[in-house]
Structure formats: structure tokens, C-alpha cells
Amino acid sequence: MITMLLTIAFLVAGIPRSNDRQHDGRIMPVYIVLSAVGFGLSIAYWLGYFPKMADSIVSTLRIFHQFYEDGE
């Protein structure tokens, strides 16, 4: 639910305002990417992939931390 709200918030934030002369009325690509990431995270949450993703992220960080400690 929270990730879906963030997705909508990023899309709304990316819409240029009427007084913004820097853009020609299109949504900025950065916000499109952020909203796509948020949408992907919300689907991953609904499918139950967050525990698996969290475990893989933590194990990857542990590996990098071990390489950092061994390199000193």
C-alpha cells in the first residue's frame, strides 16, 4: 500500500507545473523511473518477494563488508 502511494506521489511530483518554463509539459524521465521502481516494489511485495530480496541484499552486503575487512 505504501509503495503504491509512493508510486503515485512520484508520478504527480514529476508533472511539470504550469509556471515551469524549463519543461515542455512532459513528465520528467527521473520521475518515470522512480515511479516504475515503486510499482515494481509494490508488485514484489504483493507476490511475497520482499523476504527473499531482503535476505539476498543482506548477504550481498555481508560479502562486500568481508572483502572490505580483508582488504585493510
Protein backbone atom coordinates (compact mmCIF):
# COMPACT_ATOMS: atom_id res chain seq x y z
CA MET A 1 0.00 0.00 0.00
CA ILE A 2 2.77 2.42 0.95
CA THR A 3 4.79 1.63 -2.15
CA MET A 4 1.75 2.20 -4.36
CA LEU A 5 1.21 5.59 -2.72
CA LEU A 6 4.87 6.43 -3.32
CA THR A 7 4.46 5.44 -6.97
CA ILE A 8 1.54 7.83 -7.37
CA ALA A 9 3.41 10.55 -5.47
CA PHE A 10 6.45 10.28 -7.78
CA LEU A 11 4.24 10.49 -10.86
CA VAL A 12 2.44 13.55 -9.51
CA ALA A 13 5.74 15.17 -8.50
CA GLY A 14 7.11 14.63 -11.99
CA ILE A 15 4.29 16.50 -13.72
CA PRO A 16 5.60 19.96 -14.59
CA ARG A 17 3.68 22.90 -13.18
CA SER A 18 2.11 25.45 -15.49
CA ASN A 19 4.66 28.11 -14.45
CA ASP A 20 7.64 25.79 -15.03
CA ARG A 21 9.19 27.03 -18.27
CA GLN A 22 12.09 24.58 -18.16
CA HIS A 23 9.98 21.64 -19.40
CA ASP A 24 7.62 21.33 -22.31
CA GLY A 25 4.74 19.68 -20.46
CA ARG A 26 6.10 16.15 -20.31
CA ILE A 27 6.78 14.14 -17.17
CA MET A 28 10.48 14.18 -16.37
CA PRO A 29 12.20 10.82 -17.02
CA VAL A 30 13.65 10.63 -13.50
CA TYR A 31 10.19 10.53 -12.00
CA ILE A 32 9.04 7.95 -14.52
CA VAL A 33 11.92 5.70 -13.45
CA LEU A 34 11.20 6.29 -9.76
CA SER A 35 7.53 5.51 -10.21
CA ALA A 36 8.39 2.35 -12.16
CA VAL A 37 10.69 1.24 -9.34
CA GLY A 38 7.95 1.94 -6.81
CA PHE A 39 5.44 0.00 -8.89
CA GLY A 40 7.87 -2.91 -9.17
CA LEU A 41 8.43 -2.89 -5.42
CA SER A 42 4.70 -2.92 -4.76
CA ILE A 43 4.23 -5.92 -7.06
CA ALA A 44 7.17 -7.68 -5.40
CA TYR A 45 5.59 -7.02 -2.01
CA TRP A 46 2.24 -8.41 -3.12
CA LEU A 47 3.90 -11.53 -4.51
CA GLY A 48 5.85 -12.08 -1.29
CA TYR A 49 9.35 -11.49 -2.66
CA PHE A 50 10.43 -8.99 -0.01
CA PRO A 51 11.83 -11.57 2.46
CA LYS A 52 13.82 -13.20 -0.34
CA MET A 53 15.04 -9.84 -1.62
CA ALA A 54 15.98 -8.70 1.88
CA ASP A 55 17.97 -11.89 2.51
CA SER A 56 19.87 -11.53 -0.76
CA ILE A 57 20.61 -7.85 -0.10
CA VAL A 58 21.86 -8.59 3.42
CA SER A 59 24.05 -11.45 2.21
CA THR A 60 25.49 -9.26 -0.56
CA LEU A 61 26.28 -6.52 1.95
CA ARG A 62 27.95 -9.06 4.23
CA ILE A 63 30.13 -10.25 1.35
CA PHE A 64 31.18 -6.67 0.50
CA HIS A 65 31.85 -5.98 4.17
CA GLN A 66 34.02 -9.09 4.40
CA PHE A 67 36.00 -8.01 1.31
CA TYR A 68 36.45 -4.57 2.86
CA GLU A 69 37.74 -6.02 6.14
CA ASP A 70 40.10 -8.39 4.34
CA GLY A 71 41.47 -5.58 2.20
CA GLU A 72 42.69 -3.49 5.13
